[in-house]
Amino acid sequence: MASKKDPGIGAVLSLIVPGVGQFYAGRWGWGLFWLIVTPGFWFGTGGMLGWVCHILSAIQAHRQVVRT
């Protein structure tokens, strides 16, 4: 019997480090995407839009864990 993953854990993991919640959900491509894009937005916009990537990553991780 496979253990059911908690969507809340996926969301919190991606809120802390974008992409880690996607790894938790088994979505490696999306995890790598967020690990690369988020720092780009933090540095590229001087910190103005990096938080948006954190929130979007957490929402997506939650939804991806629900779908698994």
N, C-alpha and C. Protein backbone atom coordinates (compact mmCIF):
# COMPACT_ATOMS: atom_id res chain seq x y z
N MET A 1 0.85 -1.19 0.00
CA MET A 1 0.00 0.00 0.00
C MET A 1 0.89 1.25 0.00
N ALA A 2 0.66 2.13 -0.94
CA ALA A 2 1.44 3.36 -1.06
C ALA A 2 0.97 4.37 -0.02
N SER A 3 1.92 5.11 0.53
CA SER A 3 1.54 6.13 1.51
C SER A 3 1.04 7.37 0.78
N LYS A 4 0.02 7.99 1.33
CA LYS A 4 -0.56 9.21 0.75
C LYS A 4 0.27 10.41 1.19
N LYS A 5 0.66 11.23 0.24
CA LYS A 5 1.45 12.42 0.56
C LYS A 5 0.52 13.56 0.95
N ASP A 6 1.02 14.42 1.82
CA ASP A 6 0.25 15.55 2.33
C ASP A 6 0.48 16.78 1.45
N PRO A 7 -0.58 17.33 0.84
CA PRO A 7 -0.43 18.52 0.00
C PRO A 7 0.13 19.73 0.77
N GLY A 8 -0.19 19.82 2.04
CA GLY A 8 0.32 20.92 2.85
C GLY A 8 1.83 20.90 2.99
N ILE A 9 2.37 19.70 3.11
CA ILE A 9 3.83 19.57 3.20
C ILE A 9 4.47 20.01 1.89
N GLY A 10 3.88 19.61 0.77
CA GLY A 10 4.41 20.03 -0.53
C GLY A 10 4.40 21.54 -0.68
N ALA A 11 3.31 22.17 -0.24
CA ALA A 11 3.20 23.63 -0.34
C ALA A 11 4.24 24.32 0.53
N VAL A 12 4.41 23.85 1.77
CA VAL A 12 5.37 24.48 2.68
C VAL A 12 6.79 24.29 2.17
N LEU A 13 7.09 23.10 1.67
CA LEU A 13 8.44 22.86 1.13
C LEU A 13 8.76 23.82 0.00
N SER A 14 7.79 24.04 -0.90
CA SER A 14 8.04 24.96 -2.01
C SER A 14 8.00 26.42 -1.59
N LEU A 15 7.33 26.71 -0.51
CA LEU A 15 7.35 28.08 -0.01
C LEU A 15 8.72 28.41 0.59
N ILE A 16 9.34 27.40 1.20
CA ILE A 16 10.67 27.60 1.78
C ILE A 16 11.74 27.62 0.69
N VAL A 17 11.73 26.58 -0.16
CA VAL A 17 12.67 26.49 -1.29
C VAL A 17 11.87 26.09 -2.51
N PRO A 18 11.59 27.04 -3.40
CA PRO A 18 10.79 26.73 -4.57
C PRO A 18 11.35 25.56 -5.37
N GLY A 19 10.47 24.61 -5.67
CA GLY A 19 10.86 23.43 -6.42
C GLY A 19 10.91 22.18 -5.56
N VAL A 20 11.18 22.32 -4.27
CA VAL A 20 11.29 21.15 -3.40
C VAL A 20 9.93 20.48 -3.22
N GLY A 21 8.86 21.24 -3.17
CA GLY A 21 7.53 20.66 -3.08
C GLY A 21 7.17 19.87 -4.34
N GLN A 22 7.65 20.32 -5.48
CA GLN A 22 7.44 19.59 -6.73
C GLN A 22 8.23 18.28 -6.70
N PHE A 23 9.43 18.31 -6.15
CA PHE A 23 10.20 17.06 -6.00
C PHE A 23 9.45 16.10 -5.09
N TYR A 24 8.88 16.62 -4.02
CA TYR A 24 8.08 15.81 -3.09
C TYR A 24 6.91 15.16 -3.81
N ALA A 25 6.32 15.88 -4.76
CA ALA A 25 5.19 15.35 -5.54
C ALA A 25 5.63 14.42 -6.66
N GLY A 26 6.94 14.34 -6.89
CA GLY A 26 7.45 13.48 -7.96
C GLY A 26 7.52 14.16 -9.31
N ARG A 27 7.38 15.48 -9.33
CA ARG A 27 7.42 16.26 -10.58
C ARG A 27 8.79 16.94 -10.71
N TRP A 28 9.78 16.17 -11.14
CA TRP A 28 11.17 16.62 -11.18
C TRP A 28 11.40 17.77 -12.15
N GLY A 29 10.74 17.74 -13.29
CA GLY A 29 10.91 18.82 -14.27
C GLY A 29 10.44 20.16 -13.74
N TRP A 30 9.27 20.17 -13.12
CA TRP A 30 8.76 21.40 -12.53
C TRP A 30 9.64 21.86 -11.36
N GLY A 31 10.15 20.90 -10.60
CA GLY A 31 11.04 21.26 -9.49
C GLY A 31 12.28 21.98 -9.98
N LEU A 32 12.89 21.45 -11.02
CA LEU A 32 14.07 22.11 -11.59
C LEU A 32 13.72 23.49 -12.16
N PHE A 33 12.55 23.57 -12.80
CA PHE A 33 12.11 24.85 -13.34
C PHE A 33 12.06 25.92 -12.25
N TRP A 34 11.40 25.61 -11.13
CA TRP A 34 11.26 26.60 -10.06
C TRP A 34 12.59 26.89 -9.38
N LEU A 35 13.47 25.90 -9.28
CA LEU A 35 14.79 26.13 -8.68
C LEU A 35 15.64 27.08 -9.53
N ILE A 36 15.41 27.10 -10.82
CA ILE A 36 16.18 27.97 -11.70
C ILE A 36 15.51 29.33 -11.87
N VAL A 37 14.20 29.35 -12.07
CA VAL A 37 13.49 30.59 -12.37
C VAL A 37 13.40 31.53 -11.16
N THR A 38 13.13 30.98 -9.99
CA THR A 38 12.93 31.84 -8.81
C THR A 38 14.15 32.69 -8.48
N PRO A 39 15.35 32.12 -8.39
CA PRO A 39 16.51 33.00 -8.14
C PRO A 39 16.70 34.05 -9.24
N GLY A 40 16.36 33.67 -10.49
CA GLY A 40 16.45 34.63 -11.58
C GLY A 40 15.54 35.83 -11.36
N PHE A 41 14.34 35.56 -10.87
CA PHE A 41 13.42 36.66 -10.59
C PHE A 41 13.88 37.47 -9.37
N TRP A 42 14.42 36.80 -8.35
CA TRP A 42 14.92 37.54 -7.18
C TRP A 42 16.03 38.51 -7.59
N PHE A 43 17.01 37.99 -8.32
CA PHE A 43 18.15 38.83 -8.68
C PHE A 43 17.83 39.76 -9.84
N GLY A 44 17.08 39.27 -10.81
CA GLY A 44 16.77 40.07 -12.00
C GLY A 44 15.88 41.27 -11.74
N THR A 45 15.04 41.17 -10.71
CA THR A 45 14.14 42.28 -10.41
C THR A 45 14.52 42.99 -9.11
N GLY A 46 15.70 42.68 -8.60
CA GLY A 46 16.13 43.33 -7.36
C GLY A 46 15.27 42.94 -6.17
N GLY A 47 14.72 41.75 -6.18
CA GLY A 47 13.90 41.28 -5.06
C GLY A 47 12.43 41.61 -5.15
N MET A 48 12.03 42.29 -6.22
CA MET A 48 10.64 42.72 -6.31
C MET A 48 9.67 41.59 -6.66
N LEU A 49 10.08 40.64 -7.52
CA LEU A 49 9.15 39.60 -7.98
C LEU A 49 9.51 38.19 -7.52
N GLY A 50 10.57 38.03 -6.77
CA GLY A 50 10.95 36.71 -6.30
C GLY A 50 9.89 36.08 -5.42
N TRP A 51 9.24 36.89 -4.61
CA TRP A 51 8.20 36.36 -3.71
C TRP A 51 7.01 35.81 -4.49
N VAL A 52 6.75 36.36 -5.68
CA VAL A 52 5.66 35.86 -6.52
C VAL A 52 5.96 34.42 -6.93
N CYS A 53 7.20 34.15 -7.31
CA CYS A 53 7.58 32.78 -7.68
C CYS A 53 7.45 31.84 -6.50
N HIS A 54 7.80 32.28 -5.30
CA HIS A 54 7.64 31.44 -4.11
C HIS A 54 6.18 31.05 -3.92
N ILE A 55 5.29 32.01 -4.02
CA ILE A 55 3.86 31.74 -3.81
C ILE A 55 3.31 30.84 -4.92
N LEU A 56 3.63 31.15 -6.17
CA LEU A 56 3.15 30.32 -7.29
C LEU A 56 3.68 28.90 -7.20
N SER A 57 4.92 28.76 -6.80
CA SER A 57 5.51 27.43 -6.65
C SER A 57 4.79 26.64 -5.56
N ALA A 58 4.47 27.29 -4.45
CA ALA A 58 3.77 26.62 -3.35
C ALA A 58 2.36 26.19 -3.77
N ILE A 59 1.66 27.05 -4.48
CA ILE A 59 0.31 26.71 -4.96
C ILE A 59 0.38 25.53 -5.92
N GLN A 60 1.32 25.58 -6.84
CA GLN A 60 1.44 24.49 -7.81
C GLN A 60 1.83 23.19 -7.12
N ALA A 61 2.74 23.24 -6.16
CA ALA A 61 3.15 22.02 -5.44
C ALA A 61 1.96 21.41 -4.72
N HIS A 62 1.15 22.23 -4.09
CA HIS A 62 -0.06 21.74 -3.40
C HIS A 62 -0.95 21.01 -4.38
N ARG A 63 -1.22 21.63 -5.52
CA ARG A 63 -2.09 21.02 -6.53
C ARG A 63 -1.51 19.74 -7.11
N GLN A 64 -0.18 19.71 -7.30
CA GLN A 64 0.44 18.52 -7.86
C GLN A 64 0.41 17.35 -6.88
N VAL A 65 0.57 17.62 -5.59
CA VAL A 65 0.47 16.54 -4.61
C VAL A 65 -0.96 16.01 -4.54
N VAL A 66 -1.94 16.90 -4.65
CA VAL A 66 -3.35 16.47 -4.63
C VAL A 66 -3.61 15.52 -5.79
N ARG A 67 -3.03 15.81 -6.95
CA ARG A 67 -3.28 15.00 -8.16
C ARG A 67 -2.59 13.64 -8.11
N THR A 68 -1.57 13.48 -7.26
CA THR A 68 -0.86 12.18 -7.22
C THR A 68 -1.59 11.18 -6.38
